Amino acid sequence: MLRNGKARRGFTLTELMVVIVILGLLATLVVPRVLGRLLQSRVTIAKTEVMNVTQAIRDFYTNNGRLPENLEQLVTPDENGVTYLEDRTEIPVDPWGNEYWYQPDSNGLTFEVGSYGSDGEPGREEANSDISNKTIANERRVRER
């Protein structure tokens, strides 16, 4: 449309407001889902890594007849240069940047290994809940029923 013989440039205030409202609605609907998926993917990664560490501890027990004293022993190469955690030279950290914790029981036969979740604090619930080999096993038992 021409005004005073000149071509119209830019957007009207109404057009800009419509675009802003549409972007706001999309953000309201999409952002929570994306953030929820991001949290769920981090939990899944943590569970997978906990189970990898669990298997490495079991392998250590099989080869040495005892549980490791700490997770450092899983990444220390043996006389053949092999580590129990897939050629890693450092203890893995969870998706939130915290070290995994490891607690062998006093009987020397059982243990628990895990992550304190996104907040890095023990004993929280919901999005900040702890993830351990025992909680994963309990979840599997519940699903199997």
N, C-alpha and C. Protein backbone atom coordinates (compact mmCIF):
# COMPACT_ATOMS: atom_id res chain seq x y z
N MET A 1 0.85 -1.17 0.00
CA MET A 1 0.00 0.00 0.00
C MET A 1 0.90 1.23 0.00
N LEU A 2 0.49 2.20 -0.71
CA LEU A 2 1.25 3.44 -0.81
C LEU A 2 0.60 4.52 0.02
N ARG A 3 1.42 5.28 0.72
CA ARG A 3 0.96 6.45 1.45
C ARG A 3 1.77 7.63 0.94
N ASN A 4 1.07 8.61 0.56
CA ASN A 4 1.74 9.81 0.06
C ASN A 4 2.77 9.49 -1.01
N GLY A 5 2.47 8.44 -1.79
CA GLY A 5 3.35 8.09 -2.89
C GLY A 5 4.58 7.31 -2.48
N LYS A 6 4.70 6.91 -1.23
CA LYS A 6 5.87 6.14 -0.77
C LYS A 6 5.44 4.73 -0.41
N ALA A 7 6.32 3.76 -0.61
CA ALA A 7 6.04 2.37 -0.22
C ALA A 7 6.11 2.25 1.30
N ARG A 8 5.21 1.44 1.86
CA ARG A 8 5.16 1.23 3.31
C ARG A 8 6.32 0.34 3.75
N ARG A 9 7.00 0.71 4.83
CA ARG A 9 8.12 -0.06 5.35
C ARG A 9 7.82 -0.48 6.78
N GLY A 10 8.33 -1.69 7.18
CA GLY A 10 8.20 -2.15 8.57
C GLY A 10 6.85 -2.77 8.86
N PHE A 11 6.64 -3.03 10.16
CA PHE A 11 5.42 -3.67 10.64
C PHE A 11 4.61 -2.68 11.45
N THR A 12 3.32 -2.92 11.48
CA THR A 12 2.48 -2.08 12.34
C THR A 12 2.58 -2.59 13.76
N LEU A 13 2.16 -1.79 14.70
CA LEU A 13 2.16 -2.19 16.10
C LEU A 13 1.28 -3.41 16.31
N THR A 14 0.17 -3.49 15.63
CA THR A 14 -0.75 -4.63 15.75
C THR A 14 -0.07 -5.91 15.28
N GLU A 15 0.61 -5.84 14.16
CA GLU A 15 1.30 -7.03 13.65
C GLU A 15 2.38 -7.50 14.63
N LEU A 16 3.14 -6.58 15.18
CA LEU A 16 4.16 -6.94 16.16
C LEU A 16 3.55 -7.57 17.41
N MET A 17 2.44 -7.02 17.87
CA MET A 17 1.78 -7.57 19.06
C MET A 17 1.27 -8.97 18.81
N VAL A 18 0.73 -9.24 17.63
CA VAL A 18 0.25 -10.58 17.29
C VAL A 18 1.41 -11.57 17.30
N VAL A 19 2.52 -11.19 16.72
CA VAL A 19 3.69 -12.07 16.69
C VAL A 19 4.19 -12.33 18.11
N ILE A 20 4.23 -11.32 18.95
CA ILE A 20 4.69 -11.47 20.33
C ILE A 20 3.76 -12.40 21.11
N VAL A 21 2.47 -12.27 20.92
CA VAL A 21 1.50 -13.15 21.61
C VAL A 21 1.69 -14.58 21.16
N ILE A 22 1.86 -14.80 19.85
CA ILE A 22 2.05 -16.17 19.34
C ILE A 22 3.34 -16.76 19.90
N LEU A 23 4.43 -16.00 19.91
CA LEU A 23 5.68 -16.49 20.48
C LEU A 23 5.54 -16.80 21.97
N GLY A 24 4.81 -15.97 22.68
CA GLY A 24 4.57 -16.20 24.11
C GLY A 24 3.81 -17.49 24.35
N LEU A 25 2.77 -17.74 23.53
CA LEU A 25 2.01 -18.99 23.66
C LEU A 25 2.88 -20.19 23.36
N LEU A 26 3.66 -20.11 22.31
CA LEU A 26 4.55 -21.23 21.99
C LEU A 26 5.55 -21.49 23.11
N ALA A 27 6.12 -20.44 23.66
CA ALA A 27 7.07 -20.60 24.75
C ALA A 27 6.39 -21.22 25.97
N THR A 28 5.18 -20.81 26.25
CA THR A 28 4.45 -21.35 27.40
C THR A 28 4.18 -22.83 27.24
N LEU A 29 3.92 -23.27 26.02
CA LEU A 29 3.61 -24.67 25.78
C LEU A 29 4.85 -25.54 25.58
N VAL A 30 5.86 -25.02 24.94
CA VAL A 30 7.01 -25.83 24.54
C VAL A 30 8.11 -25.89 25.60
N VAL A 31 8.44 -24.78 26.21
CA VAL A 31 9.58 -24.73 27.13
C VAL A 31 9.44 -25.72 28.30
N PRO A 32 8.29 -25.81 28.97
CA PRO A 32 8.20 -26.80 30.06
C PRO A 32 8.42 -28.23 29.59
N ARG A 33 7.94 -28.55 28.40
CA ARG A 33 8.14 -29.91 27.89
C ARG A 33 9.60 -30.17 27.58
N VAL A 34 10.26 -29.21 26.98
CA VAL A 34 11.67 -29.37 26.65
C VAL A 34 12.50 -29.51 27.93
N LEU A 35 12.23 -28.68 28.92
CA LEU A 35 12.97 -28.77 30.18
C LEU A 35 12.69 -30.10 30.88
N GLY A 36 11.45 -30.57 30.81
CA GLY A 36 11.10 -31.86 31.41
C GLY A 36 11.85 -33.00 30.74
N ARG A 37 11.95 -32.94 29.42
CA ARG A 37 12.68 -33.97 28.68
C ARG A 37 14.17 -33.91 29.00
N LEU A 38 14.71 -32.71 29.16
CA LEU A 38 16.11 -32.56 29.51
C LEU A 38 16.40 -33.19 30.86
N LEU A 39 15.54 -32.92 31.86
CA LEU A 39 15.72 -33.52 33.18
C LEU A 39 15.63 -35.04 33.09
N GLN A 40 14.63 -35.54 32.35
CA GLN A 40 14.46 -36.99 32.23
C GLN A 40 15.66 -37.62 31.54
N SER A 41 16.22 -36.95 30.55
CA SER A 41 17.39 -37.53 29.87
C SER A 41 18.59 -37.58 30.81
N ARG A 42 18.75 -36.57 31.67
CA ARG A 42 19.85 -36.59 32.63
C ARG A 42 19.66 -37.72 33.65
N VAL A 43 18.44 -37.94 34.08
CA VAL A 43 18.16 -39.04 35.02
C VAL A 43 18.49 -40.37 34.36
N THR A 44 18.11 -40.52 33.10
CA THR A 44 18.39 -41.76 32.37
C THR A 44 19.89 -41.98 32.23
N ILE A 45 20.62 -40.92 31.92
CA ILE A 45 22.09 -41.03 31.82
C ILE A 45 22.68 -41.44 33.17
N ALA A 46 22.20 -40.81 34.25
CA ALA A 46 22.71 -41.14 35.59
C ALA A 46 22.42 -42.60 35.93
N LYS A 47 21.22 -43.07 35.62
CA LYS A 47 20.88 -44.47 35.90
C LYS A 47 21.78 -45.42 35.12
N THR A 48 22.03 -45.10 33.87
CA THR A 48 22.90 -45.95 33.05
C THR A 48 24.32 -45.98 33.61
N GLU A 49 24.83 -44.82 33.99
CA GLU A 49 26.18 -44.77 34.53
C GLU A 49 26.26 -45.47 35.89
N VAL A 50 25.23 -45.35 36.72
CA VAL A 50 25.22 -46.06 38.00
C VAL A 50 25.28 -47.57 37.76
N MET A 51 24.54 -48.03 36.78
CA MET A 51 24.56 -49.47 36.50
C MET A 51 25.91 -49.90 35.91
N ASN A 52 26.56 -49.02 35.13
CA ASN A 52 27.91 -49.33 34.63
C ASN A 52 28.91 -49.43 35.78
N VAL A 53 28.83 -48.50 36.72
CA VAL A 53 29.72 -48.54 37.89
C VAL A 53 29.42 -49.78 38.72
N THR A 54 28.13 -50.10 38.87
CA THR A 54 27.73 -51.30 39.62
C THR A 54 28.36 -52.55 39.00
N GLN A 55 28.30 -52.65 37.67
CA GLN A 55 28.89 -53.81 37.00
C GLN A 55 30.40 -53.84 37.17
N ALA A 56 31.02 -52.67 37.12
CA ALA A 56 32.48 -52.62 37.32
C ALA A 56 32.85 -53.07 38.73
N ILE A 57 32.05 -52.71 39.72
CA ILE A 57 32.30 -53.15 41.10
C ILE A 57 32.15 -54.66 41.20
N ARG A 58 31.13 -55.20 40.54
CA ARG A 58 30.94 -56.66 40.55
C ARG A 58 32.11 -57.37 39.87
N ASP A 59 32.58 -56.80 38.76
CA ASP A 59 33.75 -57.39 38.08
C ASP A 59 34.98 -57.35 38.97
N PHE A 60 35.17 -56.24 39.66
CA PHE A 60 36.29 -56.12 40.60
C PHE A 60 36.18 -57.21 41.67
N TYR A 61 34.98 -57.39 42.20
CA TYR A 61 34.76 -58.41 43.24
C TYR A 61 35.08 -59.80 42.69
N THR A 62 34.64 -60.08 41.48
CA THR A 62 34.89 -61.39 40.87
C THR A 62 36.38 -61.65 40.71
N ASN A 63 37.12 -60.64 40.31
CA ASN A 63 38.56 -60.81 40.06
C ASN A 63 39.42 -60.75 41.31
N ASN A 64 38.94 -60.06 42.36
CA ASN A 64 39.77 -59.84 43.55
C ASN A 64 39.22 -60.49 44.82
N GLY A 65 38.01 -61.00 44.77
CA GLY A 65 37.43 -61.65 45.94
C GLY A 65 37.02 -60.69 47.04
N ARG A 66 36.97 -59.42 46.72
CA ARG A 66 36.55 -58.40 47.69
C ARG A 66 36.02 -57.18 46.93
N LEU A 67 35.29 -56.35 47.63
CA LEU A 67 34.81 -55.11 47.03
C LEU A 67 35.94 -54.07 47.02
N PRO A 68 35.90 -53.16 46.06
CA PRO A 68 36.92 -52.10 46.10
C PRO A 68 36.69 -51.19 47.31
N GLU A 69 37.76 -50.61 47.81
CA GLU A 69 37.64 -49.70 48.95
C GLU A 69 37.02 -48.38 48.53
N ASN A 70 37.28 -47.98 47.27
CA ASN A 70 36.73 -46.73 46.75
C ASN A 70 36.62 -46.84 45.23
N LEU A 71 35.99 -45.86 44.61
CA LEU A 71 35.80 -45.90 43.16
C LEU A 71 37.09 -45.67 42.40
N GLU A 72 38.06 -45.08 43.05
CA GLU A 72 39.36 -44.84 42.42
C GLU A 72 39.98 -46.16 41.95
N GLN A 73 39.76 -47.24 42.68
CA GLN A 73 40.32 -48.53 42.31
C GLN A 73 39.75 -49.05 40.99
N LEU A 74 38.56 -48.55 40.60
CA LEU A 74 37.95 -48.99 39.35
C LEU A 74 38.58 -48.33 38.13
N VAL A 75 39.24 -47.22 38.34
CA VAL A 75 39.86 -46.50 37.21
C VAL A 75 41.38 -46.55 37.26
N THR A 76 41.93 -47.26 38.24
CA THR A 76 43.38 -47.44 38.33
C THR A 76 43.74 -48.66 37.48
N PRO A 77 44.58 -48.48 36.47
CA PRO A 77 44.93 -49.61 35.59
C PRO A 77 45.63 -50.73 36.36
N ASP A 78 45.31 -51.98 36.01
CA ASP A 78 45.98 -53.12 36.62
C ASP A 78 47.32 -53.34 35.91
N GLU A 79 47.97 -54.47 36.19
CA GLU A 79 49.30 -54.73 35.61
C GLU A 79 49.26 -54.82 34.09
N ASN A 80 48.08 -55.06 33.52
CA ASN A 80 47.93 -55.13 32.07
C ASN A 80 47.44 -53.81 31.48
N GLY A 81 47.27 -52.79 32.32
CA GLY A 81 46.81 -51.49 31.85
C GLY A 81 45.31 -51.39 31.66
N VAL A 82 44.58 -52.37 32.19
CA VAL A 82 43.13 -52.41 32.02
C VAL A 82 42.45 -51.85 33.26
N THR A 83 41.39 -51.08 33.05
CA THR A 83 40.59 -50.57 34.17
C THR A 83 39.23 -51.26 34.15
N TYR A 84 38.55 -51.21 35.26
CA TYR A 84 37.23 -51.84 35.35
C TYR A 84 36.13 -50.97 34.76
N LEU A 85 36.39 -49.69 34.58
CA LEU A 85 35.40 -48.78 33.99
C LEU A 85 35.79 -48.40 32.57
N GLU A 86 35.71 -49.33 31.68
CA GLU A 86 35.89 -49.12 30.24
C GLU A 86 36.99 -48.14 29.88
N ASP A 87 38.19 -48.44 30.25
CA ASP A 87 39.36 -47.64 29.89
C ASP A 87 39.30 -46.19 30.38
N ARG A 88 38.56 -45.93 31.42
CA ARG A 88 38.52 -44.58 31.99
C ARG A 88 39.69 -44.42 32.94
N THR A 89 40.19 -43.22 33.02
CA THR A 89 41.29 -42.93 33.95
C THR A 89 40.83 -42.03 35.09
N GLU A 90 39.58 -41.57 35.03
CA GLU A 90 39.02 -40.74 36.09
C GLU A 90 37.66 -41.28 36.49
N ILE A 91 37.30 -41.07 37.73
CA ILE A 91 35.98 -41.47 38.21
C ILE A 91 34.94 -40.62 37.49
N PRO A 92 33.92 -41.25 36.92
CA PRO A 92 32.92 -40.47 36.20
C PRO A 92 32.13 -39.57 37.15
N VAL A 93 31.58 -38.50 36.60
CA VAL A 93 30.70 -37.61 37.35
C VAL A 93 29.30 -37.73 36.76
N ASP A 94 28.30 -37.42 37.58
CA ASP A 94 26.93 -37.53 37.11
C ASP A 94 26.61 -36.38 36.14
N PRO A 95 25.45 -36.41 35.49
CA PRO A 95 25.11 -35.38 34.51
C PRO A 95 25.04 -33.97 35.08
N TRP A 96 25.02 -33.84 36.40
CA TRP A 96 24.96 -32.53 37.04
C TRP A 96 26.34 -32.08 37.52
N GLY A 97 27.38 -32.87 37.20
CA GLY A 97 28.75 -32.50 37.54
C GLY A 97 29.21 -32.94 38.91
N ASN A 98 28.43 -33.77 39.60
CA ASN A 98 28.80 -34.25 40.94
C ASN A 98 29.39 -35.66 40.84
N GLU A 99 30.30 -35.97 41.76
CA GLU A 99 30.87 -37.32 41.78
C GLU A 99 29.83 -38.32 42.26
N TYR A 100 29.91 -39.53 41.73
CA TYR A 100 29.06 -40.61 42.23
C TYR A 100 29.58 -41.03 43.60
N TRP A 101 28.69 -41.43 44.48
CA TRP A 101 29.09 -41.88 45.81
C TRP A 101 29.05 -43.40 45.84
N TYR A 102 29.84 -43.95 46.76
CA TYR A 102 29.98 -45.41 46.88
C TYR A 102 30.07 -45.76 48.35
N GLN A 103 29.22 -46.72 48.77
CA GLN A 103 29.21 -47.15 50.17
C GLN A 103 29.20 -48.67 50.25
N PRO A 104 30.36 -49.28 50.49
CA PRO A 104 30.36 -50.72 50.73
C PRO A 104 29.83 -50.99 52.15
N ASP A 105 29.06 -52.05 52.30
CA ASP A 105 28.56 -52.40 53.63
C ASP A 105 29.68 -53.02 54.45
N SER A 106 29.49 -53.03 55.74
CA SER A 106 30.53 -53.53 56.65
C SER A 106 30.81 -55.02 56.45
N ASN A 107 29.83 -55.76 55.90
CA ASN A 107 30.05 -57.19 55.68
C ASN A 107 30.97 -57.46 54.49
N GLY A 108 31.22 -56.44 53.68
CA GLY A 108 32.13 -56.59 52.55
C GLY A 108 31.55 -57.34 51.38
N LEU A 109 30.24 -57.61 51.41
CA LEU A 109 29.60 -58.36 50.32
C LEU A 109 28.61 -57.53 49.51
N THR A 110 28.05 -56.51 50.11
CA THR A 110 27.07 -55.69 49.41
C THR A 110 27.53 -54.24 49.41
N PHE A 111 26.92 -53.46 48.53
CA PHE A 111 27.32 -52.07 48.40
C PHE A 111 26.17 -51.27 47.78
N GLU A 112 26.31 -49.97 47.85
CA GLU A 112 25.39 -49.07 47.17
C GLU A 112 26.23 -47.99 46.49
N VAL A 113 25.87 -47.67 45.27
CA VAL A 113 26.56 -46.64 44.50
C VAL A 113 25.48 -45.79 43.84
N GLY A 114 25.72 -44.48 43.76
CA GLY A 114 24.70 -43.65 43.15
C GLY A 114 25.05 -42.19 43.01
N SER A 115 24.00 -41.43 42.67
CA SER A 115 24.09 -39.98 42.49
C SER A 115 23.05 -39.34 43.39
N TYR A 116 23.36 -38.18 43.91
CA TYR A 116 22.40 -37.46 44.75
C TYR A 116 21.42 -36.64 43.92
N GLY A 117 21.46 -36.74 42.61
CA GLY A 117 20.51 -36.03 41.76
C GLY A 117 20.95 -34.62 41.44
N SER A 118 20.02 -33.85 40.90
CA SER A 118 20.37 -32.53 40.37
C SER A 118 20.82 -31.54 41.42
N ASP A 119 20.37 -31.70 42.67
CA ASP A 119 20.77 -30.74 43.70
C ASP A 119 22.05 -31.14 44.42
N GLY A 120 22.53 -32.37 44.20
CA GLY A 120 23.76 -32.82 44.83
C GLY A 120 23.65 -33.06 46.32
N GLU A 121 22.43 -33.09 46.85
CA GLU A 121 22.20 -33.29 48.28
C GLU A 121 21.49 -34.62 48.52
N PRO A 122 21.88 -35.36 49.55
CA PRO A 122 21.24 -36.66 49.81
C PRO A 122 19.81 -36.52 50.33
N GLY A 123 18.99 -37.51 49.99
CA GLY A 123 17.68 -37.67 50.58
C GLY A 123 16.56 -36.79 50.07
N ARG A 124 16.67 -36.22 48.91
CA ARG A 124 15.62 -35.37 48.38
C ARG A 124 14.65 -36.20 47.55
N GLU A 125 13.56 -35.57 47.17
CA GLU A 125 12.54 -36.27 46.38
C GLU A 125 12.24 -35.52 45.10
N GLU A 126 11.35 -36.10 44.31
CA GLU A 126 10.92 -35.54 43.03
C GLU A 126 12.11 -35.40 42.09
N ALA A 127 12.29 -34.22 41.50
CA ALA A 127 13.34 -34.00 40.51
C ALA A 127 14.73 -34.12 41.13
N ASN A 128 14.84 -33.94 42.43
CA ASN A 128 16.14 -33.99 43.11
C ASN A 128 16.40 -35.32 43.81
N SER A 129 15.63 -36.34 43.49
CA SER A 129 15.75 -37.59 44.23
C SER A 129 17.08 -38.30 43.92
N ASP A 130 17.51 -39.07 44.89
CA ASP A 130 18.74 -39.84 44.76
C ASP A 130 18.53 -40.97 43.77
N ILE A 131 19.59 -41.33 43.08
CA ILE A 131 19.57 -42.44 42.13
C ILE A 131 20.67 -43.39 42.57
N SER A 132 20.32 -44.64 42.85
CA SER A 132 21.33 -45.62 43.25
C SER A 132 21.01 -46.97 42.64
N ASN A 133 21.97 -47.89 42.72
CA ASN A 133 21.73 -49.22 42.21
C ASN A 133 20.57 -49.89 42.94
N LYS A 134 20.36 -49.57 44.22
CA LYS A 134 19.25 -50.17 44.97
C LYS A 134 17.91 -49.57 44.57
N THR A 135 17.84 -48.25 44.34
CA THR A 135 16.57 -47.64 43.92
C THR A 135 16.20 -48.10 42.51
N ILE A 136 17.20 -48.29 41.65
CA ILE A 136 16.95 -48.78 40.30
C ILE A 136 16.41 -50.21 40.37
N ALA A 137 16.99 -51.05 41.21
CA ALA A 137 16.51 -52.43 41.37
C ALA A 137 15.08 -52.45 41.91
N ASN A 138 14.77 -51.56 42.86
CA ASN A 138 13.41 -51.49 43.39
C ASN A 138 12.41 -51.06 42.32
N GLU A 139 12.79 -50.09 41.48
CA GLU A 139 11.92 -49.66 40.39
C GLU A 139 11.64 -50.81 39.44
N ARG A 140 12.65 -51.61 39.15
CA ARG A 140 12.46 -52.77 38.25
C ARG A 140 11.52 -53.79 38.85
N ARG A 141 11.66 -54.03 40.15
CA ARG A 141 10.76 -54.99 40.81
C ARG A 141 9.31 -54.51 40.75
N VAL A 142 9.11 -53.24 40.96
CA VAL A 142 7.75 -52.70 40.93
C VAL A 142 7.16 -52.82 39.53
N ARG A 143 7.96 -52.53 38.50
CA ARG A 143 7.48 -52.63 37.11
C ARG A 143 7.15 -54.05 36.73
N GLU A 144 7.90 -55.02 37.25
CA GLU A 144 7.71 -56.41 36.90
C GLU A 144 6.46 -57.02 37.52
N ARG A 145 5.93 -56.38 38.53
CA ARG A 145 4.73 -56.93 39.19
C ARG A 145 3.51 -56.73 38.38
